[in-house]
Amino acid sequence: MTLFGDGLDAAVQKSFTRPAPKSAGAQMRYLVKRLKGTKRVAQMLRISQRTVERYVKNQIKTPRADLAARLESEVKKRWQPQIRANARQTAATTGGIVIDTRARLGYTAPIGSTDQDRIRHLTVALPPRYAARLFDAQEAGATDQQLQEIAAEALKEVYFQDGGRRAGSLEEVRFTDIEHLEFDL
């Protein structure tokens, strides 16, 4: 489970106009329609093709816990792709993204400044260029650490340096011990 990747996905999912299918049969039918066949769905979910067919016909109604989690995850990944793309595009061009976090934040600065790390709770609106960087990195398969570094750079500019109005000699922001992280578009 990736904290930043899942957080970005959850923010995009808030823009959905309709709820994703809830029952196992409806989820399976949706995946069969999207992937154009029961064989592909069976391979993706690591179950037999016959089991997929039984879910589609509602002969099986409740999946095992691990299968239910994989099924829900795969449906949410594919649900409303145009709305997902529009939400990402809007955040990356005009809207930006809001980060709400409770984490240990500190920075590297010249000697004599108070750069002690401490737990802070921040809710900061990041400009669209950082939303674009986060989404592009996520699509390129960036690790959670890389996404964390982009977020730390954004917090450095927006929160600590206030867009260049203060703390100009700030070198690096440390963003660790994350207790809470949530994104909003």
Foldseek 3Di string as FASTA:
>chain_A
DFDLLVQLLVQLVVQDPDDFDDWQLSLLVVVCVVVVHLCVVCVQLVHDSVVSVCSVVVVDTDDDPVSSVSSVVVRSVPPPPVSSVVVLVCCQPPNPKKKWWWFWKFFDFDPPDPGDTDTDTDIFGFHNNLSNVLVVCVVVPHHSVVSVQSVQVRCCCCPVCVNVVDPPRIDGMDTDPIPDIHMHD
